[in-house]
Amino acid sequence: MPEMRSRTQIQPSFIPDEMARLFHVALHDVVRTSAVSMAELRECVGACVRSLRDSGVGPAQMIIAMKACARESARRYPVLLSEHELTNADFLMEQIVKWSIIEYYNDA
């Protein structure tokens, strides 16, 4: 059986080395850049949530405010999108809400 698997596996050697190298670099960079930008976004979300919590805003109102703030970003900084594309706010809304809830109850 293992011999059969090795024959059916597609080897990356069919991709020219230079093209594969460019792909590897791009893949590495996008993950690193994404991780850094997501960490920065989470810090910003945390700061907003702490401000709301410290002002006495309840958890439900906090979520509503964070969603509204994210949607406002899409309005203030519009990006040309095709009709099927999501804004960054739409794409990340679930993650923003999760981070917001975690931060809201972090010191509780």
PDB file of N, CA and C in Angstrom:
ATOM      1  N   MET A   1       0.795  -1.199   0.000  1.00  0.00           N
ATOM      2  CA  MET A   1       0.000   0.000   0.000  1.00  0.00           C
ATOM      3  C   MET A   1       0.845   1.275   0.000  1.00  0.00           C
ATOM      4  N   PRO A   2       1.894   1.392   0.836  1.00  0.00           N
ATOM      5  CA  PRO A   2       2.679   2.616   0.825  1.00  0.00           C
ATOM      6  C   PRO A   2       3.288   2.923  -0.542  1.00  0.00           C
ATOM      7  N   GLU A   3       3.623   1.878  -1.295  1.00  0.00           N
ATOM      8  CA  GLU A   3       4.185   2.109  -2.629  1.00  0.00           C
ATOM      9  C   GLU A   3       3.164   2.787  -3.529  1.00  0.00           C
ATOM     10  N   MET A   4       1.899   2.389  -3.410  1.00  0.00           N
ATOM     11  CA  MET A   4       0.846   2.964  -4.222  1.00  0.00           C
ATOM     12  C   MET A   4       0.652   4.444  -3.902  1.00  0.00           C
ATOM     13  N   ARG A   5       0.733   4.803  -2.633  1.00  0.00           N
ATOM     14  CA  ARG A   5       0.585   6.204  -2.241  1.00  0.00           C
ATOM     15  C   ARG A   5       1.684   7.058  -2.841  1.00  0.00           C
ATOM     16  N   SER A   6       2.909   6.587  -2.799  1.00  0.00           N
ATOM     17  CA  SER A   6       4.014   7.397  -3.297  1.00  0.00           C
ATOM     18  C   SER A   6       3.895   7.629  -4.792  1.00  0.00           C
ATOM     19  N   ARG A   7       3.301   6.692  -5.527  1.00  0.00           N
ATOM     20  CA  ARG A   7       3.129   6.871  -6.969  1.00  0.00           C
ATOM     21  C   ARG A   7       2.032   7.889  -7.279  1.00  0.00           C
ATOM     22  N   THR A   8       1.009   7.973  -6.418  1.00  0.00           N
ATOM     23  CA  THR A   8      -0.115   8.860  -6.711  1.00  0.00           C
ATOM     24  C   THR A   8       0.061  10.261  -6.136  1.00  0.00           C
ATOM     25  N   GLN A   9       1.028  10.442  -5.251  1.00  0.00           N
ATOM     26  CA  GLN A   9       1.251  11.772  -4.694  1.00  0.00           C
ATOM     27  C   GLN A   9       1.844  12.692  -5.749  1.00  0.00           C
ATOM     28  N   ILE A  10       1.382  13.919  -5.763  1.00  0.00           N
ATOM     29  CA  ILE A  10       1.917  14.907  -6.687  1.00  0.00           C
ATOM     30  C   ILE A  10       3.119  15.551  -6.026  1.00  0.00           C
ATOM     31  N   GLN A  11       4.208  15.527  -6.716  1.00  0.00           N
ATOM     32  CA  GLN A  11       5.446  16.075  -6.179  1.00  0.00           C
ATOM     33  C   GLN A  11       5.561  17.554  -6.525  1.00  0.00           C
ATOM     34  N   PRO A  12       6.031  18.377  -5.601  1.00  0.00           N
ATOM     35  CA  PRO A  12       6.184  19.800  -5.908  1.00  0.00           C
ATOM     36  C   PRO A  12       7.280  20.063  -6.937  1.00  0.00           C
ATOM     37  N   SER A  13       8.064  19.041  -7.276  1.00  0.00           N
ATOM     38  CA  SER A  13       9.151  19.246  -8.222  1.00  0.00           C
ATOM     39  C   SER A  13       8.652  19.615  -9.616  1.00  0.00           C
ATOM     40  N   PHE A  14       7.357  19.462  -9.870  1.00  0.00           N
ATOM     41  CA  PHE A  14       6.815  19.856 -11.162  1.00  0.00           C
ATOM     42  C   PHE A  14       6.716  21.373 -11.286  1.00  0.00           C
ATOM     43  N   ILE A  15       6.792  22.055 -10.175  1.00  0.00           N
ATOM     44  CA  ILE A  15       6.767  23.519 -10.181  1.00  0.00           C
ATOM     45  C   ILE A  15       8.217  23.984 -10.255  1.00  0.00           C
ATOM     46  N   PRO A  16       8.536  24.864 -11.204  1.00  0.00           N
ATOM     47  CA  PRO A  16       9.924  25.348 -11.303  1.00  0.00           C
ATOM     48  C   PRO A  16      10.393  25.957  -9.977  1.00  0.00           C
ATOM     49  N   ASP A  17      11.662  25.756  -9.650  1.00  0.00           N
ATOM     50  CA  ASP A  17      12.209  26.186  -8.361  1.00  0.00           C
ATOM     51  C   ASP A  17      11.964  27.659  -8.059  1.00  0.00           C
ATOM     52  N   GLU A  18      12.193  28.531  -9.019  1.00  0.00           N
ATOM     53  CA  GLU A  18      12.039  29.962  -8.771  1.00  0.00           C
ATOM     54  C   GLU A  18      10.572  30.300  -8.488  1.00  0.00           C
ATOM     55  N   MET A  19       9.665  29.686  -9.229  1.00  0.00           N
ATOM     56  CA  MET A  19       8.246  29.936  -9.005  1.00  0.00           C
ATOM     57  C   MET A  19       7.836  29.396  -7.631  1.00  0.00           C
ATOM     58  N   ALA A  20       8.319  28.228  -7.270  1.00  0.00           N
ATOM     59  CA  ALA A  20       8.013  27.653  -5.962  1.00  0.00           C
ATOM     60  C   ALA A  20       8.587  28.526  -4.855  1.00  0.00           C
ATOM     61  N   ARG A  21       9.795  29.059  -5.066  1.00  0.00           N
ATOM     62  CA  ARG A  21      10.408  29.928  -4.057  1.00  0.00           C
ATOM     63  C   ARG A  21       9.544  31.168  -3.837  1.00  0.00           C
ATOM     64  N   LEU A  22       9.091  31.792  -4.909  1.00  0.00           N
ATOM     65  CA  LEU A  22       8.235  32.976  -4.796  1.00  0.00           C
ATOM     66  C   LEU A  22       6.931  32.634  -4.057  1.00  0.00           C
ATOM     67  N   PHE A  23       6.377  31.477  -4.360  1.00  0.00           N
ATOM     68  CA  PHE A  23       5.172  31.021  -3.671  1.00  0.00           C
ATOM     69  C   PHE A  23       5.439  30.827  -2.181  1.00  0.00           C
ATOM     70  N   HIS A  24       6.549  30.189  -1.854  1.00  0.00           N
ATOM     71  CA  HIS A  24       6.898  29.950  -0.450  1.00  0.00           C
ATOM     72  C   HIS A  24       7.071  31.260   0.306  1.00  0.00           C
ATOM     73  N   VAL A  25       7.754  32.215  -0.305  1.00  0.00           N
ATOM     74  CA  VAL A  25       7.974  33.516   0.339  1.00  0.00           C
ATOM     75  C   VAL A  25       6.640  34.236   0.542  1.00  0.00           C
ATOM     76  N   ALA A  26       5.804  34.240  -0.489  1.00  0.00           N
ATOM     77  CA  ALA A  26       4.499  34.906  -0.380  1.00  0.00           C
ATOM     78  C   ALA A  26       3.631  34.251   0.690  1.00  0.00           C
ATOM     79  N   LEU A  27       3.638  32.932   0.734  1.00  0.00           N
ATOM     80  CA  LEU A  27       2.857  32.214   1.739  1.00  0.00           C
ATOM     81  C   LEU A  27       3.347  32.527   3.142  1.00  0.00           C
ATOM     82  N   HIS A  28       4.657  32.541   3.317  1.00  0.00           N
ATOM     83  CA  HIS A  28       5.242  32.854   4.625  1.00  0.00           C
ATOM     84  C   HIS A  28       4.913  34.291   5.029  1.00  0.00           C
ATOM     85  N   ASP A  29       5.077  35.229   4.091  1.00  0.00           N
ATOM     86  CA  ASP A  29       4.843  36.637   4.394  1.00  0.00           C
ATOM     87  C   ASP A  29       3.388  36.922   4.737  1.00  0.00           C
ATOM     88  N   VAL A  30       2.461  36.316   4.007  1.00  0.00           N
ATOM     89  CA  VAL A  30       1.052  36.595   4.263  1.00  0.00           C
ATOM     90  C   VAL A  30       0.647  36.078   5.639  1.00  0.00           C
ATOM     91  N   VAL A  31       1.160  34.943   6.037  1.00  0.00           N
ATOM     92  CA  VAL A  31       0.825  34.409   7.354  1.00  0.00           C
ATOM     93  C   VAL A  31       1.433  35.283   8.441  1.00  0.00           C
ATOM     94  N   ARG A  32       2.703  35.671   8.272  1.00  0.00           N
ATOM     95  CA  ARG A  32       3.360  36.519   9.274  1.00  0.00           C
ATOM     96  C   ARG A  32       2.663  37.868   9.358  1.00  0.00           C
ATOM     97  N   THR A  33       2.397  38.481   8.229  1.00  0.00           N
ATOM     98  CA  THR A  33       1.736  39.779   8.199  1.00  0.00           C
ATOM     99  C   THR A  33       0.335  39.679   8.786  1.00  0.00           C
ATOM    100  N   SER A  34      -0.372  38.634   8.447  1.00  0.00           N
ATOM    101  CA  SER A  34      -1.719  38.451   8.965  1.00  0.00           C
ATOM    102  C   SER A  34      -1.704  38.280  10.477  1.00  0.00           C
ATOM    103  N   ALA A  35      -0.761  37.502  10.970  1.00  0.00           N
ATOM    104  CA  ALA A  35      -0.685  37.288  12.420  1.00  0.00           C
ATOM    105  C   ALA A  35      -0.407  38.589  13.150  1.00  0.00           C
ATOM    106  N   VAL A  36       0.484  39.405  12.607  1.00  0.00           N
ATOM    107  CA  VAL A  36       0.816  40.689  13.228  1.00  0.00           C
ATOM    108  C   VAL A  36      -0.384  41.624  13.173  1.00  0.00           C
ATOM    109  N   SER A  37      -1.017  41.726  12.012  1.00  0.00           N
ATOM    110  CA  SER A  37      -2.154  42.642  11.889  1.00  0.00           C
ATOM    111  C   SER A  37      -3.341  42.165  12.725  1.00  0.00           C
ATOM    112  N   MET A  38      -3.539  40.863  12.842  1.00  0.00           N
ATOM    113  CA  MET A  38      -4.625  40.360  13.682  1.00  0.00           C
ATOM    114  C   MET A  38      -4.347  40.636  15.155  1.00  0.00           C
ATOM    115  N   ALA A  39      -3.096  40.530  15.571  1.00  0.00           N
ATOM    116  CA  ALA A  39      -2.747  40.851  16.963  1.00  0.00           C
ATOM    117  C   ALA A  39      -2.996  42.331  17.239  1.00  0.00           C
ATOM    118  N   GLU A  40      -2.643  43.189  16.276  1.00  0.00           N
ATOM    119  CA  GLU A  40      -2.883  44.631  16.430  1.00  0.00           C
ATOM    120  C   GLU A  40      -4.379  44.924  16.488  1.00  0.00           C
ATOM    121  N   LEU A  41      -5.146  44.255  15.639  1.00  0.00           N
ATOM    122  CA  LEU A  41      -6.599  44.443  15.649  1.00  0.00           C
ATOM    123  C   LEU A  41      -7.180  44.007  16.989  1.00  0.00           C
ATOM    124  N   ARG A  42      -6.711  42.891  17.509  1.00  0.00           N
ATOM    125  CA  ARG A  42      -7.229  42.413  18.794  1.00  0.00           C
ATOM    126  C   ARG A  42      -6.914  43.403  19.912  1.00  0.00           C
ATOM    127  N   GLU A  43      -5.730  44.003  19.884  1.00  0.00           N
ATOM    128  CA  GLU A  43      -5.383  45.018  20.881  1.00  0.00           C
ATOM    129  C   GLU A  43      -6.323  46.210  20.778  1.00  0.00           C
ATOM    130  N   CYS A  44      -6.628  46.637  19.569  1.00  0.00           N
ATOM    131  CA  CYS A  44      -7.546  47.772  19.373  1.00  0.00           C
ATOM    132  C   CYS A  44      -8.954  47.429  19.847  1.00  0.00           C
ATOM    133  N   VAL A  45      -9.403  46.221  19.532  1.00  0.00           N
ATOM    134  CA  VAL A  45     -10.714  45.766  20.003  1.00  0.00           C
ATOM    135  C   VAL A  45     -10.735  45.787  21.528  1.00  0.00           C
ATOM    136  N   GLY A  46      -9.679  45.267  22.145  1.00  0.00           N
ATOM    137  CA  GLY A  46      -9.593  45.237  23.601  1.00  0.00           C
ATOM    138  C   GLY A  46      -9.665  46.615  24.213  1.00  0.00           C
ATOM    139  N   ALA A  47      -8.964  47.569  23.624  1.00  0.00           N
ATOM    140  CA  ALA A  47      -8.979  48.938  24.144  1.00  0.00           C
ATOM    141  C   ALA A  47     -10.383  49.541  24.066  1.00  0.00           C
ATOM    142  N   CYS A  48     -11.065  49.313  22.949  1.00  0.00           N
ATOM    143  CA  CYS A  48     -12.433  49.831  22.803  1.00  0.00           C
ATOM    144  C   CYS A  48     -13.369  49.202  23.831  1.00  0.00           C
ATOM    145  N   VAL A  49     -13.254  47.888  23.996  1.00  0.00           N
ATOM    146  CA  VAL A  49     -14.131  47.171  24.932  1.00  0.00           C
ATOM    147  C   VAL A  49     -13.874  47.629  26.368  1.00  0.00           C
ATOM    148  N   ARG A  50     -12.614  47.774  26.733  1.00  0.00           N
ATOM    149  CA  ARG A  50     -12.304  48.237  28.100  1.00  0.00           C
ATOM    150  C   ARG A  50     -12.878  49.626  28.342  1.00  0.00           C
ATOM    151  N   SER A  51     -12.788  50.481  27.335  1.00  0.00           N
ATOM    152  CA  SER A  51     -13.347  51.822  27.456  1.00  0.00           C
ATOM    153  C   SER A  51     -14.857  51.769  27.663  1.00  0.00           C
ATOM    154  N   LEU A  52     -15.525  50.939  26.891  1.00  0.00           N
ATOM    155  CA  LEU A  52     -16.972  50.802  27.036  1.00  0.00           C
ATOM    156  C   LEU A  52     -17.333  50.225  28.398  1.00  0.00           C
ATOM    157  N   ARG A  53     -16.649  49.174  28.810  1.00  0.00           N
ATOM    158  CA  ARG A  53     -16.932  48.535  30.104  1.00  0.00           C
ATOM    159  C   ARG A  53     -16.688  49.508  31.247  1.00  0.00           C
ATOM    160  N   ASP A  54     -15.576  50.246  31.178  1.00  0.00           N
ATOM    161  CA  ASP A  54     -15.248  51.204  32.229  1.00  0.00           C
ATOM    162  C   ASP A  54     -16.240  52.360  32.288  1.00  0.00           C
ATOM    163  N   SER A  55     -16.939  52.600  31.180  1.00  0.00           N
ATOM    164  CA  SER A  55     -17.968  53.650  31.132  1.00  0.00           C
ATOM    165  C   SER A  55     -19.323  53.146  31.608  1.00  0.00           C
ATOM    166  N   GLY A  56     -19.386  51.859  32.003  1.00  0.00           N
ATOM    167  CA  GLY A  56     -20.629  51.314  32.516  1.00  0.00           C
ATOM    168  C   GLY A  56     -21.544  50.713  31.467  1.00  0.00           C
ATOM    169  N   VAL A  57     -21.033  50.533  30.263  1.00  0.00           N
ATOM    170  CA  VAL A  57     -21.844  49.937  29.196  1.00  0.00           C
ATOM    171  C   VAL A  57     -21.968  48.440  29.467  1.00  0.00           C
ATOM    172  N   GLY A  58     -23.183  47.917  29.371  1.00  0.00           N
ATOM    173  CA  GLY A  58     -23.429  46.497  29.603  1.00  0.00           C
ATOM    174  C   GLY A  58     -22.940  45.642  28.442  1.00  0.00           C
ATOM    175  N   PRO A  59     -22.909  44.326  28.639  1.00  0.00           N
ATOM    176  CA  PRO A  59     -22.349  43.436  27.623  1.00  0.00           C
ATOM    177  C   PRO A  59     -23.105  43.446  26.292  1.00  0.00           C
ATOM    178  N   ALA A  60     -24.419  43.461  26.342  1.00  0.00           N
ATOM    179  CA  ALA A  60     -25.192  43.473  25.092  1.00  0.00           C
ATOM    180  C   ALA A  60     -24.977  44.775  24.328  1.00  0.00           C
ATOM    181  N   GLN A  61     -24.998  45.889  25.070  1.00  0.00           N
ATOM    182  CA  GLN A  61     -24.773  47.183  24.429  1.00  0.00           C
ATOM    183  C   GLN A  61     -23.348  47.287  23.892  1.00  0.00           C
ATOM    184  N   MET A  62     -22.389  46.649  24.586  1.00  0.00           N
ATOM    185  CA  MET A  62     -21.001  46.656  24.130  1.00  0.00           C
ATOM    186  C   MET A  62     -20.884  45.959  22.781  1.00  0.00           C
ATOM    187  N   ILE A  63     -21.536  44.812  22.652  1.00  0.00           N
ATOM    188  CA  ILE A  63     -21.478  44.082  21.382  1.00  0.00           C
ATOM    189  C   ILE A  63     -22.099  44.909  20.267  1.00  0.00           C
ATOM    190  N   ILE A  64     -23.234  45.523  20.553  1.00  0.00           N
ATOM    191  CA  ILE A  64     -23.893  46.377  19.558  1.00  0.00           C
ATOM    192  C   ILE A  64     -22.974  47.532  19.162  1.00  0.00           C
ATOM    193  N   ALA A  65     -22.320  48.148  20.146  1.00  0.00           N
ATOM    194  CA  ALA A  65     -21.424  49.269  19.865  1.00  0.00           C
ATOM    195  C   ALA A  65     -20.210  48.824  19.043  1.00  0.00           C
ATOM    196  N   MET A  66     -19.651  47.655  19.354  1.00  0.00           N
ATOM    197  CA  MET A  66     -18.486  47.167  18.611  1.00  0.00           C
ATOM    198  C   MET A  66     -18.852  46.818  17.171  1.00  0.00           C
ATOM    199  N   LYS A  67     -20.020  46.231  16.974  1.00  0.00           N
ATOM    200  CA  LYS A  67     -20.484  45.932  15.619  1.00  0.00           C
ATOM    201  C   LYS A  67     -20.703  47.225  14.831  1.00  0.00           C
ATOM    202  N   ALA A  68     -21.310  48.195  15.493  1.00  0.00           N
ATOM    203  CA  ALA A  68     -21.556  49.483  14.835  1.00  0.00           C
ATOM    204  C   ALA A  68     -20.246  50.163  14.474  1.00  0.00           C
ATOM    205  N   CYS A  69     -19.272  50.087  15.360  1.00  0.00           N
ATOM    206  CA  CYS A  69     -17.971  50.697  15.096  1.00  0.00           C
ATOM    207  C   CYS A  69     -17.288  50.013  13.908  1.00  0.00           C
ATOM    208  N   ALA A  70     -17.370  48.693  13.841  1.00  0.00           N
ATOM    209  CA  ALA A  70     -16.772  47.959  12.724  1.00  0.00           C
ATOM    210  C   ALA A  70     -17.463  48.326  11.414  1.00  0.00           C
ATOM    211  N   ARG A  71     -18.786  48.429  11.435  1.00  0.00           N
ATOM    212  CA  ARG A  71     -19.522  48.792  10.216  1.00  0.00           C
ATOM    213  C   ARG A  71     -19.217  50.233   9.799  1.00  0.00           C
ATOM    214  N   GLU A  72     -19.021  51.095  10.785  1.00  0.00           N
ATOM    215  CA  GLU A  72     -18.661  52.489  10.492  1.00  0.00           C
ATOM    216  C   GLU A  72     -17.318  52.542   9.764  1.00  0.00           C
ATOM    217  N   SER A  73     -16.418  51.668  10.125  1.00  0.00           N
ATOM    218  CA  SER A  73     -15.127  51.596   9.453  1.00  0.00           C
ATOM    219  C   SER A  73     -15.299  51.317   7.965  1.00  0.00           C
ATOM    220  N   ALA A  74     -16.190  50.400   7.642  1.00  0.00           N
ATOM    221  CA  ALA A  74     -16.443  50.072   6.237  1.00  0.00           C
ATOM    222  C   ALA A  74     -17.037  51.267   5.493  1.00  0.00           C
ATOM    223  N   ARG A  75     -17.842  52.071   6.199  1.00  0.00           N
ATOM    224  CA  ARG A  75     -18.431  53.254   5.570  1.00  0.00           C
ATOM    225  C   ARG A  75     -17.402  54.369   5.411  1.00  0.00           C
ATOM    226  N   ARG A  76     -16.585  54.568   6.442  1.00  0.00           N
ATOM    227  CA  ARG A  76     -15.589  55.649   6.407  1.00  0.00           C
ATOM    228  C   ARG A  76     -14.445  55.381   5.446  1.00  0.00           C
ATOM    229  N   TYR A  77     -14.060  54.130   5.345  1.00  0.00           N
ATOM    230  CA  TYR A  77     -12.919  53.749   4.519  1.00  0.00           C
ATOM    231  C   TYR A  77     -13.368  52.733   3.475  1.00  0.00           C
ATOM    232  N   PRO A  78     -14.170  53.183   2.519  1.00  0.00           N
ATOM    233  CA  PRO A  78     -14.726  52.240   1.539  1.00  0.00           C
ATOM    234  C   PRO A  78     -13.634  51.662   0.634  1.00  0.00           C
ATOM    235  N   VAL A  79     -13.845  50.423   0.253  1.00  0.00           N
ATOM    236  CA  VAL A  79     -12.951  49.727  -0.660  1.00  0.00           C
ATOM    237  C   VAL A  79     -13.801  49.292  -1.843  1.00  0.00           C
ATOM    238  N   LEU A  80     -13.228  49.377  -3.039  1.00  0.00           N
ATOM    239  CA  LEU A  80     -13.969  48.912  -4.201  1.00  0.00           C
ATOM    240  C   LEU A  80     -14.064  47.394  -4.131  1.00  0.00           C
ATOM    241  N   LEU A  81     -15.286  46.906  -4.064  1.00  0.00           N
ATOM    242  CA  LEU A  81     -15.520  45.474  -3.948  1.00  0.00           C
ATOM    243  C   LEU A  81     -16.478  45.028  -5.036  1.00  0.00           C
ATOM    244  N   SER A  82     -16.329  43.784  -5.440  1.00  0.00           N
ATOM    245  CA  SER A  82     -17.332  43.233  -6.342  1.00  0.00           C
ATOM    246  C   SER A  82     -18.580  42.940  -5.508  1.00  0.00           C
ATOM    247  N   GLU A  83     -19.659  42.646  -6.163  1.00  0.00           N
ATOM    248  CA  GLU A  83     -20.920  42.464  -5.441  1.00  0.00           C
ATOM    249  C   GLU A  83     -20.897  41.281  -4.478  1.00  0.00           C
ATOM    250  N   HIS A  84     -19.964  40.354  -4.623  1.00  0.00           N
ATOM    251  CA  HIS A  84     -19.936  39.161  -3.768  1.00  0.00           C
ATOM    252  C   HIS A  84     -18.856  39.219  -2.694  1.00  0.00           C
ATOM    253  N   GLU A  85     -18.028  40.265  -2.704  1.00  0.00           N
ATOM    254  CA  GLU A  85     -16.957  40.362  -1.719  1.00  0.00           C
ATOM    255  C   GLU A  85     -17.477  40.937  -0.406  1.00  0.00           C
ATOM    256  N   LEU A  86     -16.816  40.564   0.650  1.00  0.00           N
ATOM    257  CA  LEU A  86     -17.146  41.081   1.978  1.00  0.00           C
ATOM    258  C   LEU A  86     -16.169  42.183   2.348  1.00  0.00           C
ATOM    259  N   THR A  87     -16.624  43.134   3.138  1.00  0.00           N
ATOM    260  CA  THR A  87     -15.699  44.118   3.689  1.00  0.00           C
ATOM    261  C   THR A  87     -14.886  43.424   4.777  1.00  0.00           C
ATOM    262  N   ASN A  88     -13.792  44.047   5.190  1.00  0.00           N
ATOM    263  CA  ASN A  88     -13.008  43.494   6.297  1.00  0.00           C
ATOM    264  C   ASN A  88     -13.876  43.361   7.542  1.00  0.00           C
ATOM    265  N   ALA A  89     -14.730  44.342   7.765  1.00  0.00           N
ATOM    266  CA  ALA A  89     -15.607  44.306   8.941  1.00  0.00           C
ATOM    267  C   ALA A  89     -16.543  43.105   8.874  1.00  0.00           C
ATOM    268  N   ASP A  90     -17.135  42.869   7.718  1.00  0.00           N
ATOM    269  CA  ASP A  90     -18.028  41.716   7.567  1.00  0.00           C
ATOM    270  C   ASP A  90     -17.256  40.410   7.750  1.00  0.00           C
ATOM    271  N   PHE A  91     -16.111  40.339   7.131  1.00  0.00           N
ATOM    272  CA  PHE A  91     -15.298  39.126   7.158  1.00  0.00           C
ATOM    273  C   PHE A  91     -14.833  38.785   8.574  1.00  0.00           C
ATOM    274  N   LEU A  92     -14.513  39.815   9.358  1.00  0.00           N
ATOM    275  CA  LEU A  92     -13.948  39.599  10.692  1.00  0.00           C
ATOM    276  C   LEU A  92     -14.935  39.814  11.835  1.00  0.00           C
ATOM    277  N   MET A  93     -16.193  40.082  11.521  1.00  0.00           N
ATOM    278  CA  MET A  93     -17.161  40.431  12.557  1.00  0.00           C
ATOM    279  C   MET A  93     -17.271  39.363  13.646  1.00  0.00           C
ATOM    280  N   GLU A  94     -17.341  38.112  13.264  1.00  0.00           N
ATOM    281  CA  GLU A  94     -17.475  37.044  14.262  1.00  0.00           C
ATOM    282  C   GLU A  94     -16.268  37.037  15.201  1.00  0.00           C
ATOM    283  N   GLN A  95     -15.082  37.209  14.647  1.00  0.00           N
ATOM    284  CA  GLN A  95     -13.866  37.231  15.467  1.00  0.00           C
ATOM    285  C   GLN A  95     -13.854  38.457  16.373  1.00  0.00           C
ATOM    286  N   ILE A  96     -14.266  39.591  15.862  1.00  0.00           N
ATOM    287  CA  ILE A  96     -14.319  40.818  16.667  1.00  0.00           C
ATOM    288  C   ILE A  96     -15.273  40.638  17.845  1.00  0.00           C
ATOM    289  N   VAL A  97     -16.428  40.036  17.599  1.00  0.00           N
ATOM    290  CA  VAL A  97     -17.397  39.807  18.682  1.00  0.00           C
ATOM    291  C   VAL A  97     -16.813  38.848  19.720  1.00  0.00           C
ATOM    292  N   LYS A  98     -16.165  37.778  19.286  1.00  0.00           N
ATOM    293  CA  LYS A  98     -15.546  36.833  20.233  1.00  0.00           C
ATOM    294  C   LYS A  98     -14.501  37.526  21.094  1.00  0.00           C
ATOM    295  N   TRP A  99     -13.603  38.273  20.450  1.00  0.00           N
ATOM    296  CA  TRP A  99     -12.574  38.998  21.207  1.00  0.00           C
ATOM    297  C   TRP A  99     -13.219  39.977  22.185  1.00  0.00           C
ATOM    298  N   SER A 100     -14.286  40.641  21.743  1.00  0.00           N
ATOM    299  CA  SER A 100     -14.967  41.625  22.589  1.00  0.00           C
ATOM    300  C   SER A 100     -15.543  40.969  23.845  1.00  0.00           C
ATOM    301  N   ILE A 101     -16.173  39.850  23.687  1.00  0.00           N
ATOM    302  CA  ILE A 101     -16.755  39.140  24.835  1.00  0.00           C
ATOM    303  C   ILE A 101     -15.661  38.679  25.787  1.00  0.00           C
ATOM    304  N   ILE A 102     -14.595  38.121  25.235  1.00  0.00           N
ATOM    305  CA  ILE A 102     -13.476  37.668  26.074  1.00  0.00           C
ATOM    306  C   ILE A 102     -12.901  38.838  26.855  1.00  0.00           C
ATOM    307  N   GLU A 103     -12.693  39.960  26.191  1.00  0.00           N
ATOM    308  CA  GLU A 103     -12.100  41.133  26.854  1.00  0.00           C
ATOM    309  C   GLU A 103     -13.048  41.709  27.891  1.00  0.00           C
ATOM    310  N   TYR A 104     -14.324  41.746  27.576  1.00  0.00           N
ATOM    311  CA  TYR A 104     -15.302  42.337  28.506  1.00  0.00           C
ATOM    312  C   TYR A 104     -15.288  41.607  29.843  1.00  0.00           C
ATOM    313  N   TYR A 105     -15.187  40.297  29.783  1.00  0.00           N
ATOM    314  CA  TYR A 105     -15.215  39.507  31.022  1.00  0.00           C
ATOM    315  C   TYR A 105     -13.822  39.125  31.524  1.00  0.00           C
ATOM    316  N   ASN A 106     -12.800  39.634  30.898  1.00  0.00           N
ATOM    317  CA  ASN A 106     -11.419  39.278  31.247  1.00  0.00           C
ATOM    318  C   ASN A 106     -11.076  39.555  32.697  1.00  0.00           C
ATOM    319  N   ASP A 107     -11.459  40.695  33.206  1.00  0.00           N
ATOM    320  CA  ASP A 107     -11.117  41.073  34.594  1.00  0.00           C
ATOM    321  C   ASP A 107     -12.257  40.789  35.569  1.00  0.00           C
ATOM    322  N   ALA A 108     -13.297  40.157  35.095  1.00  0.00           N
ATOM    323  CA  ALA A 108     -14.470  39.917  35.947  1.00  0.00           C
ATOM    324  C   ALA A 108     -14.188  38.848  36.980  1.00  0.00           C
TER     325      ALA A 108
END
